[in-house]
Protein backbone atom coordinates (compact mmCIF):
# COMPACT_ATOMS: atom_id res chain seq x y z
CA MET A 1 -65.54 -42.22 41.70
CA ALA A 2 -64.59 -43.86 38.50
CA SER A 3 -63.48 -41.77 35.35
CA PRO A 4 -65.71 -42.42 32.28
CA THR A 5 -63.94 -44.61 29.64
CA PRO A 6 -63.49 -42.70 26.33
CA GLU A 7 -64.92 -44.36 23.28
CA PRO A 8 -62.43 -46.22 21.07
CA THR A 9 -60.97 -44.47 18.19
CA VAL A 10 -60.74 -45.78 14.60
CA GLY A 11 -58.34 -44.07 12.34
CA ALA A 12 -58.38 -44.11 8.63
CA ARG A 13 -56.15 -42.73 5.78
CA ALA A 14 -57.30 -39.82 3.82
CA GLY A 15 -59.87 -40.90 1.42
CA ALA A 16 -60.64 -44.06 3.05
CA ALA A 17 -63.52 -45.18 5.32
CA ALA A 18 -63.10 -45.88 8.97
CA LYS A 19 -65.43 -48.78 10.12
CA VAL A 20 -67.22 -47.97 13.34
CA GLY A 21 -69.26 -50.96 14.15
CA GLY A 22 -72.71 -52.19 13.22
CA GLY A 23 -71.94 -52.00 9.40
CA VAL A 24 -71.55 -48.32 9.61
CA SER A 25 -68.46 -46.57 7.98
CA ILE A 26 -67.42 -42.85 8.04
CA ARG A 27 -65.42 -41.00 5.23
CA ILE A 28 -64.34 -37.64 4.98
CA ALA A 29 -65.32 -36.58 1.43
CA SER A 30 -63.51 -33.30 1.35
CA VAL A 31 -61.95 -30.62 3.56
CA THR A 32 -62.05 -27.16 1.54
CA ALA A 33 -60.87 -23.77 2.46
CA ILE A 34 -63.43 -21.09 2.19
CA LYS A 35 -64.23 -17.48 3.37
CA VAL A 36 -67.25 -16.99 5.46
CA THR A 37 -69.29 -13.70 5.93
CA ALA A 38 -71.04 -13.09 9.07
CA LYS A 39 -74.72 -12.81 8.90
CA THR A 40 -75.92 -13.13 12.67
CA PRO A 41 -74.83 -11.65 15.73
CA GLY A 42 -71.74 -13.33 17.29
CA GLU A 43 -70.54 -14.56 13.74
CA ILE A 44 -67.34 -12.97 12.25
CA ASP A 45 -65.94 -12.91 8.91
CA GLY A 46 -62.79 -14.81 7.88
CA ALA A 47 -60.92 -17.93 6.62
CA ALA A 48 -62.69 -21.22 7.34
CA VAL A 49 -62.95 -24.84 6.26
CA VAL A 50 -65.93 -26.87 5.27
CA VAL A 51 -65.62 -30.49 6.15
CA LYS A 52 -67.92 -32.85 4.11
CA VAL A 53 -68.61 -36.09 5.82
CA GLU A 54 -70.26 -39.27 4.59
CA VAL A 55 -71.87 -41.83 6.82
CA ASP A 56 -72.57 -45.11 5.08
CA ASN A 57 -74.88 -47.74 6.57
CA ALA A 58 -74.09 -51.31 5.21
CA GLY A 59 -75.83 -52.81 8.25
CA THR A 60 -79.22 -54.13 8.91
CA ALA A 61 -80.65 -51.53 11.31
CA THR A 62 -81.07 -47.86 11.08
CA ALA A 63 -78.07 -45.69 12.21
CA SER A 64 -78.89 -42.60 14.09
CA VAL A 65 -76.90 -39.28 13.12
CA ASP A 66 -78.94 -36.91 15.29
CA SER A 67 -76.20 -36.57 17.93
CA ALA A 68 -73.08 -36.78 15.38
CA TYR A 69 -70.25 -34.48 16.06
CA VAL A 70 -67.28 -33.22 14.02
CA ASN A 71 -64.17 -31.62 15.43
CA VAL A 72 -61.18 -30.25 13.56
CA VAL A 73 -57.65 -29.64 14.84
CA ALA A 74 -54.80 -28.29 12.91
CA SER A 75 -51.35 -30.10 12.88
CA ASP A 76 -49.96 -27.24 15.09
CA GLY A 77 -52.45 -27.90 17.92
CA THR A 78 -54.65 -25.13 16.71
CA PHE A 79 -58.51 -25.93 17.25
CA ALA A 80 -60.77 -24.89 14.54
CA VAL A 81 -63.97 -23.29 15.87
CA ALA A 82 -67.30 -24.26 14.64
CA THR A 83 -69.32 -21.60 13.07
CA THR A 84 -72.76 -21.11 11.73
CA ALA A 85 -71.51 -18.67 9.16
CA GLY A 86 -70.96 -20.52 5.80
CA LYS A 87 -73.13 -23.30 4.31
CA GLY A 88 -72.93 -26.03 6.83
CA VAL A 89 -75.60 -28.65 6.74
CA PRO A 90 -75.13 -31.09 9.80
CA PHE A 91 -76.50 -34.64 9.87
CA HIS A 92 -80.09 -35.28 11.22
CA GLY A 93 -82.33 -38.29 11.61
CA VAL A 94 -81.32 -41.66 10.78
CA VAL A 95 -79.43 -43.49 7.96
CA ALA A 96 -81.44 -46.48 6.53
CA PRO A 97 -79.64 -49.76 5.81
CA GLY A 98 -77.97 -49.63 2.46
CA ALA A 99 -78.05 -45.81 2.32
CA THR A 100 -75.47 -43.08 2.73
CA ALA A 101 -75.88 -39.63 4.36
CA THR A 102 -73.85 -36.52 3.85
CA GLY A 103 -73.33 -33.65 6.14
CA SER A 104 -71.10 -30.50 6.11
CA TYR A 105 -69.61 -28.78 8.99
CA VAL A 106 -67.97 -25.25 8.86
CA PHE A 107 -64.98 -24.14 10.99
CA MET A 108 -63.13 -20.93 11.42
CA LEU A 109 -59.46 -21.51 11.12
CA SER A 110 -56.66 -19.00 9.88
CA HIS A 111 -54.70 -19.70 6.73
CA PRO A 112 -56.34 -23.13 5.97
CA GLN A 113 -55.16 -23.59 2.52
CA GLY A 114 -52.78 -26.47 2.46
CA ARG A 115 -52.85 -27.00 6.40
CA GLN A 116 -52.99 -30.63 7.67
CA VAL A 117 -55.74 -31.34 9.91
CA THR A 118 -57.04 -33.97 12.21
CA VAL A 119 -60.83 -34.58 11.70
CA THR A 120 -62.57 -36.48 14.40
CA VAL A 121 -66.38 -37.69 13.80
CA SER A 122 -68.69 -39.67 15.96
CA HIS A 123 -72.12 -40.36 14.20
CA ALA A 124 -73.63 -41.38 17.57
CA ALA A 125 -73.02 -41.06 21.19
CA GLY A 126 -71.59 -44.47 22.38
CA THR A 127 -70.07 -45.23 19.21
CA PRO A 128 -66.35 -45.31 18.10
CA VAL A 129 -64.76 -42.20 17.04
CA ALA A 130 -63.45 -42.12 13.46
CA GLN A 131 -60.15 -40.05 13.05
CA PHE A 132 -58.78 -38.69 9.85
CA THR A 133 -55.64 -36.73 8.96
CA GLU A 134 -56.48 -34.67 6.05
CA THR A 135 -54.83 -31.71 4.01
CA VAL A 136 -57.15 -28.68 3.39
CA SER A 137 -57.61 -27.96 -0.43
């Protein structure tokens, strides 16, 4: 049985946009340290980061963002853990041609201030993965 082929990765420097095809580009607007407070069962209080992501559609067709995903890994290999605590507002729906959508995602990460992290983003299944190296502010 053949192994699946991973989607290509498109890197971009901090503050720049990664062009992922079809006129769509992805940019990290900010990566900020916050403290979150648990509000529902299974959540925990603690240090976290909020990642604000922009998807810009300069193409001629709508771009779905319903299956968008964001991952964060610290430079020492520590995986940040997605949480529903905090004020995350994930992407949903489509981005019309000429429009920009913004989503925010919250991840638990100890001692985040000043840490370098790698953020990977895919706006839709089957599209290239955008990869950024950012410093948490």
